[in-house]
PDB file of N, CA and C in Angstrom:
ATOM      1  N   MET A   1    -236.072 -77.909 106.854  1.00  0.00           N
ATOM      2  CA  MET A   1    -236.898 -77.289 108.450  1.00  0.00           C
ATOM      3  C   MET A   1    -237.529 -78.854 108.991  1.00  0.00           C
ATOM      4  N   ASP A   2    -237.114 -78.645 109.868  1.00  0.00           N
ATOM      5  CA  ASP A   2    -237.403 -80.040 110.345  1.00  0.00           C
ATOM      6  C   ASP A   2    -238.919 -80.304 111.015  1.00  0.00           C
ATOM      7  N   LYS A   3    -239.499 -81.257 110.789  1.00  0.00           N
ATOM      8  CA  LYS A   3    -240.927 -81.548 111.343  1.00  0.00           C
ATOM      9  C   LYS A   3    -240.608 -80.735 113.133  1.00  0.00           C
ATOM     10  N   ASN A   4    -242.128 -80.222 113.112  1.00  0.00           N
ATOM     11  CA  ASN A   4    -241.899 -79.304 114.677  1.00  0.00           C
ATOM     12  C   ASN A   4    -243.616 -79.788 114.911  1.00  0.00           C
ATOM     13  N   LEU A   5    -244.829 -80.499 113.975  1.00  0.00           N
ATOM     14  CA  LEU A   5    -246.053 -80.469 114.182  1.00  0.00           C
ATOM     15  C   LEU A   5    -246.569 -81.912 114.029  1.00  0.00           C
ATOM     16  N   ILE A   6    -247.468 -82.609 114.873  1.00  0.00           N
ATOM     17  CA  ILE A   6    -247.874 -83.752 114.906  1.00  0.00           C
ATOM     18  C   ILE A   6    -249.206 -83.966 115.421  1.00  0.00           C
ATOM     19  N   ILE A   7    -250.196 -84.032 114.121  1.00  0.00           N
ATOM     20  CA  ILE A   7    -251.157 -83.955 113.343  1.00  0.00           C
ATOM     21  C   ILE A   7    -252.199 -84.844 114.470  1.00  0.00           C
ATOM     22  N   PHE A   8    -253.772 -84.880 114.935  1.00  0.00           N
ATOM     23  CA  PHE A   8    -254.808 -85.796 115.301  1.00  0.00           C
ATOM     24  C   PHE A   8    -255.356 -85.583 115.205  1.00  0.00           C
ATOM     25  N   ASN A   9    -256.744 -86.583 114.742  1.00  0.00           N
ATOM     26  CA  ASN A   9    -258.189 -85.781 114.257  1.00  0.00           C
ATOM     27  C   ASN A   9    -258.533 -86.118 115.874  1.00  0.00           C
ATOM     28  N   ASN A  10    -258.627 -85.762 116.216  1.00  0.00           N
ATOM     29  CA  ASN A  10    -259.571 -85.106 117.865  1.00  0.00           C
ATOM     30  C   ASN A  10    -258.414 -84.708 119.128  1.00  0.00           C
ATOM     31  N   MET A  11    -259.442 -83.536 119.901  1.00  0.00           N
ATOM     32  CA  MET A  11    -259.328 -82.971 120.975  1.00  0.00           C
ATOM     33  C   MET A  11    -258.723 -83.943 121.670  1.00  0.00           C
ATOM     34  N   THR A  12    -259.168 -85.450 121.936  1.00  0.00           N
ATOM     35  CA  THR A  12    -258.856 -85.783 123.154  1.00  0.00           C
ATOM     36  C   THR A  12    -257.560 -86.684 122.844  1.00  0.00           C
ATOM     37  N   ARG A  13    -257.499 -87.346 121.616  1.00  0.00           N
ATOM     38  CA  ARG A  13    -255.981 -87.302 121.548  1.00  0.00           C
ATOM     39  C   ARG A  13    -254.985 -86.585 121.482  1.00  0.00           C
ATOM     40  N   LEU A  14    -255.282 -85.312 121.444  1.00  0.00           N
ATOM     41  CA  LEU A  14    -254.369 -84.740 121.088  1.00  0.00           C
ATOM     42  C   LEU A  14    -253.948 -83.927 122.817  1.00  0.00           C
ATOM     43  N   LEU A  15    -254.971 -83.800 123.739  1.00  0.00           N
ATOM     44  CA  LEU A  15    -254.743 -83.824 125.157  1.00  0.00           C
ATOM     45  C   LEU A  15    -254.165 -85.201 125.776  1.00  0.00           C
ATOM     46  N   ARG A  16    -254.230 -85.952 125.423  1.00  0.00           N
ATOM     47  CA  ARG A  16    -253.802 -86.965 125.800  1.00  0.00           C
ATOM     48  C   ARG A  16    -252.196 -87.376 125.813  1.00  0.00           C
ATOM     49  N   ALA A  17    -251.918 -86.186 124.680  1.00  0.00           N
ATOM     50  CA  ALA A  17    -250.226 -86.598 123.992  1.00  0.00           C
ATOM     51  C   ALA A  17    -249.897 -85.494 125.465  1.00  0.00           C
ATOM     52  N   LYS A  18    -250.546 -84.372 124.579  1.00  0.00           N
ATOM     53  CA  LYS A  18    -249.610 -83.276 125.266  1.00  0.00           C
ATOM     54  C   LYS A  18    -249.011 -83.676 127.029  1.00  0.00           C
ATOM     55  N   GLU A  19    -250.660 -84.210 127.816  1.00  0.00           N
ATOM     56  CA  GLU A  19    -250.498 -84.685 129.284  1.00  0.00           C
ATOM     57  C   GLU A  19    -249.053 -85.391 129.200  1.00  0.00           C
ATOM     58  N   ILE A  20    -248.698 -86.345 128.689  1.00  0.00           N
ATOM     59  CA  ILE A  20    -247.926 -87.715 128.448  1.00  0.00           C
ATOM     60  C   ILE A  20    -246.497 -86.447 127.783  1.00  0.00           C
ATOM     61  N   LEU A  21    -246.598 -85.761 127.102  1.00  0.00           N
ATOM     62  CA  LEU A  21    -245.071 -84.887 127.323  1.00  0.00           C
ATOM     63  C   LEU A  21    -245.251 -84.341 127.732  1.00  0.00           C
ATOM     64  N   ARG A  22    -246.147 -83.513 128.717  1.00  0.00           N
ATOM     65  CA  ARG A  22    -245.838 -82.784 129.726  1.00  0.00           C
ATOM     66  C   ARG A  22    -244.862 -83.812 130.546  1.00  0.00           C
ATOM     67  N   LYS A  23    -245.671 -84.703 131.200  1.00  0.00           N
ATOM     68  CA  LYS A  23    -245.466 -85.590 132.411  1.00  0.00           C
ATOM     69  C   LYS A  23    -243.870 -86.030 132.026  1.00  0.00           C
ATOM     70  N   ASN A  24    -242.895 -85.881 131.043  1.00  0.00           N
ATOM     71  CA  ASN A  24    -241.632 -86.587 129.817  1.00  0.00           C
ATOM     72  C   ASN A  24    -240.720 -85.619 130.819  1.00  0.00           C
ATOM     73  N   GLY A  25    -241.083 -84.256 130.581  1.00  0.00           N
ATOM     74  CA  GLY A  25    -240.709 -82.660 130.639  1.00  0.00           C
ATOM     75  C   GLY A  25    -240.650 -82.056 129.086  1.00  0.00           C
ATOM     76  N   ILE A  26    -241.650 -82.440 128.312  1.00  0.00           N
ATOM     77  CA  ILE A  26    -241.110 -82.525 126.636  1.00  0.00           C
ATOM     78  C   ILE A  26    -242.479 -81.116 126.685  1.00  0.00           C
ATOM     79  N   TYR A  27    -241.980 -80.078 126.349  1.00  0.00           N
ATOM     80  CA  TYR A  27    -242.814 -78.485 126.011  1.00  0.00           C
ATOM     81  C   TYR A  27    -243.844 -78.699 124.592  1.00  0.00           C
ATOM     82  N   SER A  28    -244.919 -78.656 124.635  1.00  0.00           N
ATOM     83  CA  SER A  28    -245.561 -78.841 123.999  1.00  0.00           C
ATOM     84  C   SER A  28    -246.520 -77.828 123.693  1.00  0.00           C
ATOM     85  N   GLN A  29    -247.057 -77.198 122.908  1.00  0.00           N
ATOM     86  CA  GLN A  29    -248.161 -76.215 122.280  1.00  0.00           C
ATOM     87  C   GLN A  29    -249.540 -76.724 121.591  1.00  0.00           C
ATOM     88  N   THR A  30    -250.525 -76.706 121.657  1.00  0.00           N
ATOM     89  CA  THR A  30    -251.230 -76.438 120.799  1.00  0.00           C
ATOM     90  C   THR A  30    -252.150 -74.852 119.782  1.00  0.00           C
ATOM     91  N   VAL A  31    -252.090 -75.702 118.963  1.00  0.00           N
ATOM     92  CA  VAL A  31    -251.621 -75.084 117.717  1.00  0.00           C
ATOM     93  C   VAL A  31    -252.774 -75.188 116.876  1.00  0.00           C
ATOM     94  N   ARG A  32    -253.693 -74.465 116.098  1.00  0.00           N
ATOM     95  CA  ARG A  32    -254.228 -74.801 114.971  1.00  0.00           C
ATOM     96  C   ARG A  32    -253.222 -74.807 113.436  1.00  0.00           C
ATOM     97  N   THR A  33    -254.248 -76.031 113.007  1.00  0.00           N
ATOM     98  CA  THR A  33    -253.298 -76.929 112.194  1.00  0.00           C
ATOM     99  C   THR A  33    -253.359 -75.721 110.796  1.00  0.00           C
ATOM    100  N   PRO A  34    -252.492 -75.787 110.242  1.00  0.00           N
ATOM    101  CA  PRO A  34    -252.685 -75.036 108.960  1.00  0.00           C
ATOM    102  C   PRO A  34    -253.746 -76.067 107.977  1.00  0.00           C
ATOM    103  N   ALA A  35    -254.080 -75.038 107.293  1.00  0.00           N
ATOM    104  CA  ALA A  35    -255.427 -75.889 105.667  1.00  0.00           C
ATOM    105  C   ALA A  35    -254.470 -76.560 104.943  1.00  0.00           C
ATOM    106  N   GLY A  36    -253.157 -76.394 104.795  1.00  0.00           N
ATOM    107  CA  GLY A  36    -252.528 -77.141 103.607  1.00  0.00           C
ATOM    108  C   GLY A  36    -252.208 -78.293 104.199  1.00  0.00           C
ATOM    109  N   VAL A  37    -252.216 -78.556 105.609  1.00  0.00           N
ATOM    110  CA  VAL A  37    -251.781 -79.955 106.288  1.00  0.00           C
ATOM    111  C   VAL A  37    -253.125 -80.441 107.237  1.00  0.00           C
ATOM    112  N   SER A  38    -254.017 -80.164 107.041  1.00  0.00           N
ATOM    113  CA  SER A  38    -254.905 -80.641 108.089  1.00  0.00           C
ATOM    114  C   SER A  38    -256.306 -81.514 107.388  1.00  0.00           C
ATOM    115  N   LYS A  39    -255.776 -82.077 106.408  1.00  0.00           N
ATOM    116  CA  LYS A  39    -256.628 -83.241 105.679  1.00  0.00           C
ATOM    117  C   LYS A  39    -256.588 -84.751 107.207  1.00  0.00           C
ATOM    118  N   GLY A  40    -257.977 -84.644 107.099  1.00  0.00           N
ATOM    119  CA  GLY A  40    -258.365 -86.024 108.474  1.00  0.00           C
ATOM    120  C   GLY A  40    -257.128 -85.148 109.927  1.00  0.00           C
ATOM    121  N   SER A  41    -257.552 -83.673 109.982  1.00  0.00           N
ATOM    122  CA  SER A  41    -257.143 -83.504 111.412  1.00  0.00           C
ATOM    123  C   SER A  41    -258.272 -82.594 112.050  1.00  0.00           C
ATOM    124  N   CYS A  42    -258.318 -82.801 113.504  1.00  0.00           N
ATOM    125  CA  CYS A  42    -260.015 -82.073 113.822  1.00  0.00           C
ATOM    126  C   CYS A  42    -259.290 -80.950 114.520  1.00  0.00           C
ATOM    127  N   GLY A  43    -258.192 -79.718 113.182  1.00  0.00           N
ATOM    128  CA  GLY A  43    -258.121 -78.503 113.395  1.00  0.00           C
ATOM    129  C   GLY A  43    -257.430 -77.997 113.999  1.00  0.00           C
ATOM    130  N   TYR A  44    -256.712 -78.724 115.507  1.00  0.00           N
ATOM    131  CA  TYR A  44    -255.596 -78.165 116.321  1.00  0.00           C
ATOM    132  C   TYR A  44    -254.565 -79.193 116.432  1.00  0.00           C
ATOM    133  N   SER A  45    -253.286 -79.348 116.438  1.00  0.00           N
ATOM    134  CA  SER A  45    -252.314 -80.282 116.618  1.00  0.00           C
ATOM    135  C   SER A  45    -251.440 -79.723 117.673  1.00  0.00           C
ATOM    136  N   LEU A  46    -250.065 -80.389 117.661  1.00  0.00           N
ATOM    137  CA  LEU A  46    -249.440 -79.954 119.040  1.00  0.00           C
ATOM    138  C   LEU A  46    -248.026 -79.382 117.598  1.00  0.00           C
ATOM    139  N   LYS A  47    -247.534 -78.469 118.397  1.00  0.00           N
ATOM    140  CA  LYS A  47    -246.202 -77.560 118.382  1.00  0.00           C
ATOM    141  C   LYS A  47    -245.419 -78.226 119.275  1.00  0.00           C
ATOM    142  N   VAL A  48    -243.941 -78.770 118.741  1.00  0.00           N
ATOM    143  CA  VAL A  48    -242.835 -79.165 119.428  1.00  0.00           C
ATOM    144  C   VAL A  48    -241.534 -78.824 118.788  1.00  0.00           C
ATOM    145  N   ARG A  49    -240.857 -77.814 119.618  1.00  0.00           N
ATOM    146  CA  ARG A  49    -239.929 -77.177 119.196  1.00  0.00           C
ATOM    147  C   ARG A  49    -238.802 -77.903 119.236  1.00  0.00           C
ATOM    148  N   ASN A  50    -238.682 -78.676 120.996  1.00  0.00           N
ATOM    149  CA  ASN A  50    -237.476 -79.567 120.701  1.00  0.00           C
ATOM    150  C   ASN A  50    -237.901 -81.046 121.216  1.00  0.00           C
ATOM    151  N   ASN A  51    -237.060 -81.839 121.138  1.00  0.00           N
ATOM    152  CA  ASN A  51    -237.193 -83.037 121.077  1.00  0.00           C
ATOM    153  C   ASN A  51    -238.146 -84.066 120.116  1.00  0.00           C
ATOM    154  N   TYR A  52    -238.488 -82.805 119.352  1.00  0.00           N
ATOM    155  CA  TYR A  52    -239.713 -83.586 118.163  1.00  0.00           C
ATOM    156  C   TYR A  52    -239.425 -85.436 118.290  1.00  0.00           C
ATOM    157  N   GLU A  53    -238.451 -85.794 117.877  1.00  0.00           N
ATOM    158  CA  GLU A  53    -238.630 -87.713 117.644  1.00  0.00           C
ATOM    159  C   GLU A  53    -239.088 -88.464 119.134  1.00  0.00           C
ATOM    160  N   ARG A  54    -238.180 -87.772 120.196  1.00  0.00           N
ATOM    161  CA  ARG A  54    -238.566 -88.452 121.063  1.00  0.00           C
ATOM    162  C   ARG A  54    -240.046 -88.376 121.671  1.00  0.00           C
ATOM    163  N   ALA A  55    -240.491 -86.645 121.437  1.00  0.00           N
ATOM    164  CA  ALA A  55    -242.280 -87.000 121.371  1.00  0.00           C
ATOM    165  C   ALA A  55    -242.497 -87.552 120.402  1.00  0.00           C
ATOM    166  N   PHE A  56    -242.768 -87.331 119.268  1.00  0.00           N
ATOM    167  CA  PHE A  56    -243.515 -88.726 118.738  1.00  0.00           C
ATOM    168  C   PHE A  56    -243.471 -90.024 118.724  1.00  0.00           C
ATOM    169  N   GLU A  57    -241.728 -90.381 119.444  1.00  0.00           N
ATOM    170  CA  GLU A  57    -242.477 -92.091 119.524  1.00  0.00           C
ATOM    171  C   GLU A  57    -243.013 -92.201 121.147  1.00  0.00           C
ATOM    172  N   LEU A  58    -242.627 -91.416 122.229  1.00  0.00           N
ATOM    173  CA  LEU A  58    -243.208 -91.673 123.250  1.00  0.00           C
ATOM    174  C   LEU A  58    -245.309 -91.235 122.758  1.00  0.00           C
ATOM    175  N   ILE A  59    -245.733 -90.362 122.178  1.00  0.00           N
ATOM    176  CA  ILE A  59    -246.725 -90.949 121.615  1.00  0.00           C
ATOM    177  C   ILE A  59    -247.373 -91.731 120.854  1.00  0.00           C
ATOM    178  N   LYS A  60    -246.322 -92.293 119.780  1.00  0.00           N
ATOM    179  CA  LYS A  60    -247.004 -93.520 118.861  1.00  0.00           C
ATOM    180  C   LYS A  60    -246.516 -94.375 119.753  1.00  0.00           C
ATOM    181  N   ASN A  61    -246.003 -94.699 120.961  1.00  0.00           N
ATOM    182  CA  ASN A  61    -245.637 -96.055 121.831  1.00  0.00           C
ATOM    183  C   ASN A  61    -246.932 -96.112 122.957  1.00  0.00           C
ATOM    184  N   SER A  62    -247.431 -94.945 123.131  1.00  0.00           N
ATOM    185  CA  SER A  62    -248.895 -95.039 124.214  1.00  0.00           C
ATOM    186  C   SER A  62    -249.816 -95.332 123.666  1.00  0.00           C
ATOM    187  N   GLY A  63    -250.119 -95.511 122.072  1.00  0.00           N
ATOM    188  CA  GLY A  63    -251.175 -95.833 121.563  1.00  0.00           C
ATOM    189  C   GLY A  63    -251.917 -94.696 121.309  1.00  0.00           C
ATOM    190  N   ILE A  64    -251.800 -93.851 121.420  1.00  0.00           N
ATOM    191  CA  ILE A  64    -252.513 -92.618 121.307  1.00  0.00           C
ATOM    192  C   ILE A  64    -252.361 -92.383 118.686  1.00  0.00           C
ATOM    193  N   ARG A  65    -253.751 -92.453 118.219  1.00  0.00           N
ATOM    194  CA  ARG A  65    -253.322 -92.217 116.712  1.00  0.00           C
ATOM    195  C   ARG A  65    -252.779 -90.945 116.466  1.00  0.00           C
ATOM    196  N   ILE A  66    -251.675 -90.802 115.759  1.00  0.00           N
ATOM    197  CA  ILE A  66    -251.276 -89.869 115.703  1.00  0.00           C
ATOM    198  C   ILE A  66    -251.741 -89.681 114.150  1.00  0.00           C
ATOM    199  N   VAL A  67    -251.960 -88.608 113.366  1.00  0.00           N
ATOM    200  CA  VAL A  67    -252.852 -88.236 111.798  1.00  0.00           C
ATOM    201  C   VAL A  67    -251.777 -88.331 111.056  1.00  0.00           C
ATOM    202  N   GLY A  68    -250.521 -87.466 111.518  1.00  0.00           N
ATOM    203  CA  GLY A  68    -249.737 -87.091 110.555  1.00  0.00           C
ATOM    204  C   GLY A  68    -248.619 -86.222 110.932  1.00  0.00           C
ATOM    205  N   ALA A  69    -247.739 -85.788 110.196  1.00  0.00           N
ATOM    206  CA  ALA A  69    -246.495 -84.670 110.901  1.00  0.00           C
ATOM    207  C   ALA A  69    -246.311 -84.201 109.756  1.00  0.00           C
ATOM    208  N   SER A  70    -246.010 -82.435 109.876  1.00  0.00           N
ATOM    209  CA  SER A  70    -245.580 -81.818 109.108  1.00  0.00           C
ATOM    210  C   SER A  70    -244.182 -80.698 109.625  1.00  0.00           C
ATOM    211  N   ALA A  71    -243.990 -80.055 108.475  1.00  0.00           N
ATOM    212  CA  ALA A  71    -242.779 -79.298 109.470  1.00  0.00           C
ATOM    213  C   ALA A  71    -243.663 -77.657 109.004  1.00  0.00           C
ATOM    214  N   VAL A  72    -243.721 -76.930 109.970  1.00  0.00           N
ATOM    215  CA  VAL A  72    -243.973 -75.676 109.981  1.00  0.00           C
ATOM    216  C   VAL A  72    -243.900 -74.799 110.791  1.00  0.00           C
ATOM    217  N   ASP A  73    -243.584 -73.478 109.608  1.00  0.00           N
ATOM    218  CA  ASP A  73    -242.530 -72.409 110.282  1.00  0.00           C
ATOM    219  C   ASP A  73    -244.243 -71.419 110.726  1.00  0.00           C
ATOM    220  N   TYR A  74    -243.560 -71.457 111.714  1.00  0.00           N
ATOM    221  CA  TYR A  74    -244.818 -69.905 112.968  1.00  0.00           C
ATOM    222  C   TYR A  74    -243.458 -68.964 113.608  1.00  0.00           C
ATOM    223  N   ASN A  75    -243.029 -68.804 112.804  1.00  0.00           N
ATOM    224  CA  ASN A  75    -242.255 -67.837 113.152  1.00  0.00           C
ATOM    225  C   ASN A  75    -242.624 -65.726 112.961  1.00  0.00           C
TER     226      ASN A  75
END
């Protein structure tokens, strides 16, 4: 399974990242971070189904701190 979750340590960073993705035409969804991958997390993450690599790079290059990334099945 490919990575689809970008993890942050606070909601402000998550919301800033979500806005950057929106402005670049990438849909993301705010979801609860699963307990198994939530170390250092604020409890919420962004789920990105399409263009994950581009989304990750956009956020990283904007200077927003990312705590981690994970592959999670939300089906």
